[in-house]
Amino acid sequence: MDAAVLDRRTRMHDECIPPDLVDRLLGLGHVGVVRAEALAEDGDWFCARAWARLLAGRGELEEALDVLAPYVGTGWWTAAAEAARLLDAGGRGEEAISLVRPFTRGGEPPALHDLALLLARNGRGEEAYALLLPHVADWSLAEALVEVGVGLGRGEEVAALLTARIAPGCLCPRCGSPECGRPYPEPFNAVNLLASVREAQGRPDEALEVLRTYGSTPVNSRDPLAELLERQGRIDELRAYAAVEGQQVAAGHLAELLEARGDVSGAVEVYRLEAEHDRCHASTELAQLLARHGRGAEAVEVVRGLDSAEDWVVDLLCRLFAAEGRAEEGLAHLDALKARRGKEEWELFRLRGPLLAACGRLDEAVEEARAHPEGGSPFAVASLAGLLADAGRPEEGVALLDVDRPDHRRILGPLLVRLGRVEEAVALLRTPRPTAPRPTPASYSDCPPF
């Protein structure tokens, strides 16, 4: 095994069995296949991780660590982190610390982060705090510092460090001006973390003041100010915040909260109001909300009212038509778009297939796809194979795909498993990518044409 190869395969999901398919194999009872690939000389990481977790869950920790040992032995951080997690969960925290510590010598944030939290969980919080203190400018290590510092009762020290890093005089990354008044903290989440310290100290009013003064930074479509208001049960304040133009993330929080409480009408109203500022996004969210609650006909009208040719919007509309048993109307909508635009790129044409299949016209869908100008492209062939598989004809989908194309293999693997051809699927997914021949020296030139 080689650490660089393992890392590439894991990041690219290449020459390996993807984690979702590993879970599916286990669910279908193919435990022996997963175990064999985990223990192979050129082992599959996702199989090894799943098999080790299964063993650890049975209380067979030593056997789980033996599975991971060859991967850890390559010096690959991902494998070491997984082994440390199993050790810590198994009550062997000091061994986990010893395993992780060598990986921190290069100052890599993931290793420092994990080591600090391991130390804190194993009664060595002060050591963890000292380890993290010089790295407060890194967003992930700053998060760990807050967790460790608050746990030690040193919240005020952490708050002071974060406050010092919220520098109003720095250039705003949005407009490049020091006069706009927006802070440009380092780390970027310093404001959010300062608020979390105050909330953890039982001072929610101060936490809210921090976020309102400096401006919270939404991360992954989550707004810290909206979430804090929600946790504190201050719904009226959340409603007022969500009503401000440009606060679509907060509006989403409010709608989610109201829906969870059973107030669907309230959630609908939130999105309707937000659509006045952000029509497309809010309307599609509203349509999905309506569809979830059996109001698909209303959802169709909301999306149709956008009169959009954006492929993701049309995709949603076609799915809503199909769910309502109105596939023919979906096809008519695509026809109208094509007539208006004078052409139909594959991004929109591909939406015809599921609608035709829903109308019982699968063969027509296949013929039209093959006749399309882009029908022979790799992504079109892959799309058609998926359509055939979803329509209950996976054998035909398999026949369309090229085993020598890595992007086709990702589709072929699950199809072969569906057909019960598990060994064939595993062998295909684990086959090394074809290597292009190296150009001969004579093919190089530093003069045009190159």
Protein backbone atom coordinates (compact mmCIF):
# COMPACT_ATOMS: atom_id res chain seq x y z
CA MET A 1 0.00 0.00 0.00
CA ASP A 2 1.06 3.57 -0.64
CA ALA A 3 -0.26 6.61 1.25
CA ALA A 4 -0.40 8.85 -1.82
CA VAL A 5 -2.33 6.23 -3.81
CA LEU A 6 -4.75 5.66 -0.93
CA ASP A 7 -5.32 9.38 -0.59
CA ARG A 8 -5.98 9.85 -4.29
CA ARG A 9 -8.38 6.93 -4.46
CA THR A 10 -10.27 8.15 -1.41
CA ARG A 11 -10.59 11.75 -2.56
CA MET A 12 -11.49 10.86 -6.15
CA HIS A 13 -13.53 7.70 -5.39
CA ASP A 14 -11.36 6.09 -8.02
CA GLU A 15 -10.09 2.47 -8.19
CA CYS A 16 -12.15 1.72 -5.10
CA ILE A 17 -15.63 0.75 -3.94
CA PRO A 18 -17.45 3.98 -2.96
CA PRO A 19 -18.65 4.15 0.66
CA ASP A 20 -22.35 4.14 -0.22
CA LEU A 21 -21.90 0.96 -2.26
CA VAL A 22 -19.90 -0.63 0.58
CA ASP A 23 -22.84 0.05 2.90
CA ARG A 24 -25.18 -1.45 0.32
CA LEU A 25 -23.04 -4.59 0.03
CA LEU A 26 -23.12 -5.02 3.79
CA GLY A 27 -26.87 -4.46 3.81
CA LEU A 28 -27.29 -7.17 1.17
CA GLY A 29 -25.26 -9.59 3.28
CA HIS A 30 -22.05 -9.55 1.22
CA VAL A 31 -19.89 -9.26 4.33
CA GLY A 32 -17.29 -11.67 2.97
CA VAL A 33 -16.74 -9.49 -0.10
CA VAL A 34 -16.18 -6.38 2.02
CA ARG A 35 -13.84 -8.26 4.36
CA ALA A 36 -11.81 -9.68 1.47
CA GLU A 37 -11.30 -6.26 -0.12
CA ALA A 38 -10.41 -4.73 3.26
CA LEU A 39 -7.70 -7.35 3.86
CA ALA A 40 -6.38 -7.52 0.29
CA GLU A 41 -2.71 -6.69 -0.28
CA ASP A 42 -3.74 -3.62 -2.26
CA GLY A 43 -6.65 -3.02 0.08
CA ASP A 44 -9.78 -0.93 -0.42
CA TRP A 45 -9.94 1.81 2.21
CA PHE A 46 -13.71 2.21 2.33
CA CYS A 47 -14.10 -1.55 2.80
CA ALA A 48 -11.43 -1.54 5.49
CA ARG A 49 -13.07 1.32 7.36
CA ALA A 50 -16.51 -0.28 7.22
CA TRP A 51 -15.21 -3.69 8.26
CA ALA A 52 -13.17 -2.21 11.15
CA ARG A 53 -16.19 -0.26 12.41
CA LEU A 54 -18.33 -3.37 12.22
CA LEU A 55 -15.79 -5.33 14.26
CA ALA A 56 -15.41 -2.55 16.81
CA GLY A 57 -19.19 -2.37 17.14
CA ARG A 58 -19.14 -6.06 18.06
CA GLY A 59 -16.57 -5.39 20.77
CA GLU A 60 -13.71 -6.85 18.71
CA LEU A 61 -11.46 -3.80 18.92
CA GLU A 62 -8.15 -5.61 18.50
CA GLU A 63 -9.38 -7.30 15.33
CA ALA A 64 -10.59 -3.91 14.04
CA LEU A 65 -7.19 -2.35 14.67
CA ASP A 66 -5.51 -5.25 12.88
CA VAL A 67 -7.62 -4.46 9.81
CA LEU A 68 -6.49 -0.83 9.85
CA ALA A 69 -2.84 -1.54 10.71
CA PRO A 70 -1.52 -1.88 7.11
CA TYR A 71 -3.20 1.39 6.15
CA VAL A 72 -1.88 3.19 9.23
CA GLY A 73 1.56 1.74 8.52
CA THR A 74 1.78 3.74 5.30
CA GLY A 75 1.85 6.95 7.33
CA TRP A 76 -1.51 8.04 5.91
CA TRP A 77 -3.26 10.48 8.23
CA THR A 78 -6.82 9.41 7.33
CA ALA A 79 -6.19 5.85 8.46
CA ALA A 80 -4.43 6.96 11.65
CA ALA A 81 -7.33 9.28 12.51
CA GLU A 82 -9.83 6.43 12.08
CA ALA A 83 -7.75 4.08 14.24
CA ALA A 84 -7.43 6.77 16.92
CA ARG A 85 -11.19 7.31 16.87
CA LEU A 86 -11.80 3.60 17.48
CA LEU A 87 -9.19 3.50 20.25
CA ASP A 88 -10.69 6.51 22.00
CA ALA A 89 -14.23 5.14 21.70
CA GLY A 90 -12.94 1.85 23.13
CA GLY A 91 -11.58 3.52 26.25
CA ARG A 92 -7.96 3.54 25.14
CA GLY A 93 -7.49 7.28 24.85
CA GLU A 94 -3.79 7.36 25.73
CA GLU A 95 -3.01 4.98 22.88
CA ALA A 96 -5.03 7.17 20.56
CA ILE A 97 -3.02 10.20 21.67
CA SER A 98 0.25 8.39 21.04
CA LEU A 99 -0.92 7.38 17.58
CA VAL A 100 -1.96 10.89 16.55
CA ARG A 101 0.89 12.94 18.08
CA PRO A 102 3.56 12.16 15.43
CA PHE A 103 1.28 13.57 12.73
CA THR A 104 1.31 17.01 14.40
CA ARG A 105 5.03 17.59 13.91
CA GLY A 106 4.41 19.27 10.57
CA GLY A 107 1.81 21.55 12.09
CA GLU A 108 -1.04 20.08 10.05
CA PRO A 109 -4.37 21.49 11.33
CA PRO A 110 -6.40 18.23 11.12
CA ALA A 111 -3.89 16.37 13.27
CA LEU A 112 -3.55 19.24 15.75
CA HIS A 113 -7.34 19.49 15.97
CA ASP A 114 -7.81 15.80 16.70
CA LEU A 115 -4.92 15.63 19.15
CA ALA A 116 -6.22 18.58 21.14
CA LEU A 117 -9.70 17.14 21.48
CA LEU A 118 -8.28 13.74 22.40
CA LEU A 119 -6.19 15.36 25.13
CA ALA A 120 -9.19 17.28 26.45
CA ARG A 121 -11.42 14.19 26.50
CA ASN A 122 -8.75 12.29 28.41
CA GLY A 123 -8.26 14.74 31.27
CA ARG A 124 -5.42 16.75 29.74
CA GLY A 125 -7.32 19.91 28.88
CA GLU A 126 -4.56 22.36 29.85
CA GLU A 127 -2.13 20.60 27.54
CA ALA A 128 -4.71 20.79 24.76
CA TYR A 129 -5.27 24.49 25.41
CA ALA A 130 -1.55 25.23 25.22
CA LEU A 131 -1.29 23.23 22.00
CA LEU A 132 -4.07 25.22 20.31
CA LEU A 133 -3.24 28.69 21.60
CA PRO A 134 -0.63 29.58 18.92
CA HIS A 135 -3.04 28.56 16.14
CA VAL A 136 -6.05 30.76 16.83
CA ALA A 137 -5.87 32.20 13.30
CA ASP A 138 -6.88 28.82 11.83
CA TRP A 139 -10.68 28.48 11.74
CA SER A 140 -10.84 24.78 12.65
CA LEU A 141 -8.27 25.05 15.44
CA ALA A 142 -10.06 28.14 16.76
CA GLU A 143 -13.24 26.06 16.99
CA ALA A 144 -11.36 23.44 19.00
CA LEU A 145 -9.85 26.18 21.19
CA VAL A 146 -13.32 27.44 22.06
CA GLU A 147 -14.49 23.94 22.95
CA VAL A 148 -11.45 23.23 25.10
CA GLY A 149 -11.23 26.69 26.67
CA VAL A 150 -14.90 26.85 27.67
CA GLY A 151 -14.63 23.34 29.09
CA LEU A 152 -11.73 24.50 31.28
CA GLY A 153 -13.61 27.60 32.47
CA ARG A 154 -11.31 29.87 30.48
CA GLY A 155 -14.03 31.35 28.34
CA GLU A 156 -13.00 34.94 29.12
CA GLU A 157 -9.47 34.33 27.89
CA VAL A 158 -10.75 32.78 24.67
CA ALA A 159 -13.23 35.65 24.21
CA ALA A 160 -10.43 38.19 24.60
CA LEU A 161 -8.32 36.38 21.99
CA LEU A 162 -11.19 36.33 19.51
CA THR A 163 -12.15 39.95 20.15
CA ALA A 164 -8.60 41.00 19.37
CA ARG A 165 -8.83 39.25 16.01
CA ILE A 166 -11.97 41.10 14.91
CA ALA A 167 -10.16 43.99 13.28
CA PRO A 168 -12.49 46.69 11.90
CA GLY A 169 -9.58 48.47 10.23
CA CYS A 170 -8.76 45.62 7.88
CA LEU A 171 -9.83 45.68 4.25
CA CYS A 172 -13.30 44.33 3.61
CA PRO A 173 -13.05 41.27 1.32
CA ARG A 174 -16.25 42.31 -0.46
CA CYS A 175 -15.48 45.88 -1.43
CA GLY A 176 -11.77 46.30 -0.62
CA SER A 177 -12.37 49.42 1.46
CA PRO A 178 -11.36 49.98 5.10
CA GLU A 179 -14.19 52.50 5.51
CA CYS A 180 -17.19 50.23 4.90
CA GLY A 181 -17.38 49.28 8.55
CA ARG A 182 -17.43 45.52 8.00
CA PRO A 183 -14.88 43.57 10.07
CA TYR A 184 -12.54 41.21 8.28
CA PRO A 185 -11.57 38.82 11.06
CA GLU A 186 -8.95 36.12 10.97
CA PRO A 187 -10.08 33.40 11.37
CA PHE A 188 -13.17 34.11 9.28
CA ASN A 189 -15.45 32.58 11.95
CA ALA A 190 -14.09 34.64 14.85
CA VAL A 191 -17.40 36.50 15.34
CA ASN A 192 -19.42 33.28 15.34
CA LEU A 193 -17.02 31.68 17.81
CA LEU A 194 -17.08 34.70 20.13
CA ALA A 195 -20.88 34.47 20.20
CA SER A 196 -20.68 30.74 20.95
CA VAL A 197 -18.42 31.46 23.93
CA ARG A 198 -20.93 33.91 25.35
CA GLU A 199 -23.81 31.51 24.81
CA ALA A 200 -21.88 28.68 26.49
CA GLN A 201 -21.31 31.00 29.45
CA GLY A 202 -25.06 31.45 29.78
CA ARG A 203 -25.01 34.98 28.39
CA PRO A 204 -27.24 34.78 25.29
CA ASP A 205 -27.98 38.52 25.19
CA GLU A 206 -24.27 39.24 24.84
CA ALA A 207 -23.96 36.53 22.21
CA LEU A 208 -26.74 38.16 20.19
CA GLU A 209 -25.11 41.57 20.59
CA VAL A 210 -21.83 40.21 19.22
CA LEU A 211 -23.54 38.81 16.13
CA ARG A 212 -25.60 41.93 15.56
CA THR A 213 -22.67 44.29 16.05
CA TYR A 214 -20.10 42.54 13.91
CA GLY A 215 -22.35 40.56 11.57
CA SER A 216 -22.63 36.79 11.70
CA THR A 217 -21.07 34.71 8.95
CA PRO A 218 -23.42 32.07 7.45
CA VAL A 219 -21.62 28.77 6.88
CA ASN A 220 -23.07 25.96 4.75
CA SER A 221 -26.44 27.77 4.59
CA ARG A 222 -26.63 28.03 8.38
CA ASP A 223 -26.92 31.48 9.99
CA PRO A 224 -25.52 31.64 13.54
CA LEU A 225 -27.74 34.57 14.56
CA ALA A 226 -30.89 32.84 13.31
CA GLU A 227 -29.91 29.58 15.01
CA LEU A 228 -29.18 31.36 18.29
CA LEU A 229 -32.56 33.08 18.22
CA GLU A 230 -34.17 29.73 17.49
CA ARG A 231 -32.36 27.97 20.37
CA GLN A 232 -33.36 30.74 22.75
CA GLY A 233 -36.99 30.55 21.66
CA ARG A 234 -37.03 34.18 20.53
CA ILE A 235 -39.26 33.57 17.55
CA ASP A 236 -40.54 37.13 17.20
CA GLU A 237 -36.96 38.40 16.91
CA LEU A 238 -36.18 35.65 14.42
CA ARG A 239 -39.22 36.64 12.39
CA ALA A 240 -38.11 40.28 12.34
CA TYR A 241 -34.57 39.28 11.35
CA ALA A 242 -35.82 37.04 8.54
CA ALA A 243 -38.00 39.84 7.18
CA VAL A 244 -34.97 42.01 6.39
CA GLU A 245 -34.07 42.06 2.71
CA GLY A 246 -31.12 39.83 1.90
CA GLN A 247 -31.60 37.50 4.86
CA GLN A 248 -32.80 34.48 2.87
CA VAL A 249 -30.80 32.09 5.04
CA ALA A 250 -32.56 33.37 8.15
CA ALA A 251 -35.90 33.07 6.38
CA GLY A 252 -35.07 29.44 5.66
CA HIS A 253 -34.35 28.86 9.36
CA LEU A 254 -37.67 30.39 10.34
CA ALA A 255 -39.58 28.34 7.77
CA GLU A 256 -37.86 25.13 8.91
CA LEU A 257 -38.73 25.90 12.53
CA LEU A 258 -42.37 26.64 11.76
CA GLU A 259 -42.69 23.51 9.63
CA ALA A 260 -41.17 21.39 12.41
CA ARG A 261 -43.77 22.83 14.81
CA GLY A 262 -46.56 21.91 12.44
CA ASP A 263 -47.25 25.47 11.34
CA VAL A 264 -47.09 24.80 7.60
CA SER A 265 -49.16 27.88 6.79
CA GLY A 266 -46.69 30.04 8.68
CA ALA A 267 -43.76 28.49 6.82
CA VAL A 268 -45.53 29.07 3.50
CA GLU A 269 -46.05 32.72 4.37
CA VAL A 270 -42.36 33.13 5.22
CA TYR A 271 -41.33 31.89 1.79
CA ARG A 272 -43.98 33.96 0.04
CA LEU A 273 -42.68 37.10 1.71
CA GLU A 274 -39.06 36.16 0.98
CA ALA A 275 -39.95 35.65 -2.69
CA GLU A 276 -40.49 39.41 -2.92
CA HIS A 277 -36.72 39.82 -2.45
CA ASP A 278 -35.29 36.53 -3.75
CA ARG A 279 -37.94 35.19 -6.10
CA CYS A 280 -36.30 32.14 -7.62
CA HIS A 281 -34.71 30.60 -4.52
CA ALA A 282 -37.63 31.28 -2.19
CA SER A 283 -40.18 30.04 -4.72
CA THR A 284 -38.40 26.73 -5.27
CA GLU A 285 -38.10 26.26 -1.49
CA LEU A 286 -41.81 27.05 -1.18
CA ALA A 287 -42.68 24.53 -3.88
CA GLN A 288 -40.74 21.77 -2.15
CA LEU A 289 -42.42 22.63 1.15
CA LEU A 290 -45.86 22.42 -0.46
CA ALA A 291 -45.00 19.11 -2.14
CA ARG A 292 -43.88 17.62 1.18
CA HIS A 293 -47.31 18.35 2.60
CA GLY A 294 -49.41 16.92 -0.19
CA ARG A 295 -49.97 20.18 -2.01
CA GLY A 296 -48.19 19.23 -5.22
CA ALA A 297 -50.63 21.03 -7.50
CA GLU A 298 -49.85 24.33 -5.75
CA ALA A 299 -46.15 23.53 -5.94
CA VAL A 300 -46.38 23.08 -9.70
CA GLU A 301 -48.03 26.48 -10.11
CA VAL A 302 -45.42 28.19 -7.95
CA VAL A 303 -42.51 26.88 -10.05
CA ARG A 304 -44.33 27.31 -13.34
CA GLY A 305 -44.97 30.93 -12.38
CA LEU A 306 -41.21 31.56 -12.39
CA ASP A 307 -41.21 31.07 -16.17
CA SER A 308 -37.58 30.04 -15.91
CA ALA A 309 -35.41 28.18 -18.41
CA GLU A 310 -32.72 27.46 -15.81
CA ASP A 311 -32.12 23.72 -15.94
CA TRP A 312 -32.31 23.23 -12.15
CA VAL A 313 -35.66 25.03 -11.97
CA VAL A 314 -37.07 23.11 -14.94
CA ASP A 315 -35.75 19.89 -13.38
CA LEU A 316 -37.75 20.59 -10.21
CA LEU A 317 -40.86 21.43 -12.22
CA CYS A 318 -40.62 18.21 -14.22
CA ARG A 319 -40.21 16.15 -11.06
CA LEU A 320 -43.27 17.83 -9.58
CA PHE A 321 -45.27 17.11 -12.73
CA ALA A 322 -44.22 13.44 -12.59
CA ALA A 323 -45.07 13.14 -8.88
CA GLU A 324 -48.53 14.55 -9.60
CA GLY A 325 -49.12 12.06 -12.42
CA ARG A 326 -48.98 14.89 -14.94
CA ALA A 327 -45.97 13.80 -16.98
CA GLU A 328 -47.65 14.79 -20.26
CA GLU A 329 -47.89 18.38 -19.02
CA GLY A 330 -44.20 18.24 -18.19
CA LEU A 331 -43.43 17.21 -21.76
CA ALA A 332 -45.63 20.02 -23.09
CA HIS A 333 -43.71 22.47 -20.91
CA LEU A 334 -40.40 21.26 -22.37
CA ASP A 335 -41.85 21.57 -25.88
CA ALA A 336 -42.84 25.17 -25.18
CA LEU A 337 -39.36 25.98 -23.86
CA LYS A 338 -37.76 24.42 -26.93
CA ALA A 339 -40.01 26.43 -29.24
CA ARG A 340 -39.21 29.63 -27.39
CA ARG A 341 -35.45 29.07 -27.37
CA GLY A 342 -35.19 27.44 -30.79
CA LYS A 343 -33.03 24.62 -29.44
CA GLU A 344 -32.82 22.12 -26.60
CA GLU A 345 -29.43 21.48 -25.03
CA TRP A 346 -28.85 18.17 -23.31
CA GLU A 347 -29.26 19.78 -19.86
CA LEU A 348 -32.96 20.27 -20.63
CA PHE A 349 -33.42 17.41 -23.10
CA ARG A 350 -32.37 14.86 -20.46
CA LEU A 351 -35.50 15.76 -18.47
CA ARG A 352 -37.67 14.23 -21.19
CA GLY A 353 -36.54 10.69 -20.45
CA PRO A 354 -38.12 10.23 -17.00
CA LEU A 355 -41.31 11.95 -18.18
CA LEU A 356 -41.61 9.71 -21.23
CA ALA A 357 -40.93 6.66 -19.06
CA ALA A 358 -43.67 7.80 -16.66
CA CYS A 359 -46.02 7.89 -19.66
CA GLY A 360 -45.07 4.32 -20.59
CA ARG A 361 -43.00 5.50 -23.56
CA LEU A 362 -39.55 4.29 -22.48
CA ASP A 363 -38.56 2.97 -25.91
CA GLU A 364 -39.40 6.36 -27.40
CA ALA A 365 -37.22 8.00 -24.73
CA VAL A 366 -34.30 5.74 -25.66
CA GLU A 367 -34.67 6.43 -29.37
CA GLU A 368 -34.90 10.19 -28.86
CA ALA A 369 -31.87 10.21 -26.59
CA ARG A 370 -29.77 8.33 -29.12
CA ALA A 371 -30.88 10.68 -31.90
CA HIS A 372 -30.00 13.83 -29.96
CA PRO A 373 -26.84 15.62 -31.24
CA GLU A 374 -25.21 15.04 -27.84
CA GLY A 375 -26.70 11.57 -27.41
CA GLY A 376 -23.39 9.84 -27.99
CA SER A 377 -21.48 11.84 -25.40
CA PRO A 378 -20.28 10.02 -22.28
CA PHE A 379 -22.56 11.95 -19.91
CA ALA A 380 -25.59 11.35 -22.17
CA VAL A 381 -24.90 7.61 -22.34
CA ALA A 382 -24.53 7.51 -18.56
CA SER A 383 -27.83 9.36 -18.15
CA LEU A 384 -29.60 6.94 -20.50
CA ALA A 385 -28.18 3.95 -18.63
CA GLY A 386 -29.55 5.35 -15.38
CA LEU A 387 -32.95 5.89 -16.97
CA LEU A 388 -33.09 2.28 -18.18
CA ALA A 389 -32.06 0.99 -14.78
CA ASP A 390 -34.68 3.10 -12.98
CA ALA A 391 -37.29 1.78 -15.42
CA GLY A 392 -36.47 -1.82 -14.51
CA ARG A 393 -34.17 -2.61 -17.43
CA PRO A 394 -30.71 -2.53 -15.82
CA GLU A 395 -29.28 -5.13 -18.23
CA GLU A 396 -29.75 -2.70 -21.11
CA GLY A 397 -28.19 0.06 -19.04
CA VAL A 398 -25.14 -2.09 -18.38
CA ALA A 399 -24.79 -2.83 -22.10
CA LEU A 400 -24.55 0.88 -22.90
CA LEU A 401 -21.64 1.64 -20.59
CA ASP A 402 -17.94 1.43 -21.35
CA VAL A 403 -15.93 -0.51 -18.77
CA ASP A 404 -12.79 1.40 -19.78
CA ARG A 405 -14.25 4.76 -18.74
CA PRO A 406 -13.76 5.51 -15.02
CA ASP A 407 -16.84 7.77 -14.96
CA HIS A 408 -18.93 4.93 -16.42
CA ARG A 409 -17.56 2.47 -13.89
CA ARG A 410 -19.13 4.49 -11.08
CA ILE A 411 -22.53 3.85 -12.65
CA LEU A 412 -21.78 0.29 -13.73
CA GLY A 413 -20.78 -0.88 -10.27
CA PRO A 414 -24.17 -0.34 -8.58
CA LEU A 415 -26.00 -1.68 -11.67
CA LEU A 416 -24.00 -4.89 -11.58
CA VAL A 417 -24.68 -5.27 -7.86
CA ARG A 418 -28.39 -4.78 -8.57
CA LEU A 419 -28.16 -7.64 -11.06
CA GLY A 420 -26.42 -9.86 -8.49
CA ARG A 421 -23.07 -9.69 -10.30
CA VAL A 422 -21.23 -8.59 -7.18
CA GLU A 423 -17.82 -10.10 -7.90
CA GLU A 424 -17.85 -8.53 -11.36
CA ALA A 425 -18.78 -5.15 -9.89
CA VAL A 426 -15.98 -5.28 -7.33
CA ALA A 427 -13.38 -6.34 -9.89
CA LEU A 428 -14.46 -3.51 -12.21
CA LEU A 429 -14.39 -0.80 -9.56
CA ARG A 430 -11.03 -1.93 -8.25
CA THR A 431 -9.39 -2.08 -11.69
CA PRO A 432 -6.63 0.55 -12.01
CA ARG A 433 -7.35 3.45 -14.32
CA PRO A 434 -5.81 2.95 -17.78
CA THR A 435 -2.47 4.71 -17.97
CA ALA A 436 -1.92 6.96 -20.96
CA PRO A 437 1.41 6.29 -22.72
CA ARG A 438 4.09 8.83 -21.99
CA PRO A 439 4.91 11.03 -24.99
CA THR A 440 8.25 10.35 -26.64
CA PRO A 441 10.91 13.08 -26.38
CA ALA A 442 10.56 13.77 -30.09
CA SER A 443 7.01 15.02 -29.54
CA TYR A 444 8.20 17.99 -27.47
CA SER A 445 8.99 21.35 -29.03
CA ASP A 446 9.56 24.88 -27.76
CA CYS A 447 8.70 26.40 -31.13
CA PRO A 448 5.21 26.91 -32.55
CA PRO A 449 3.25 24.95 -33.49
CA PHE A 450 3.96 23.17 -30.20
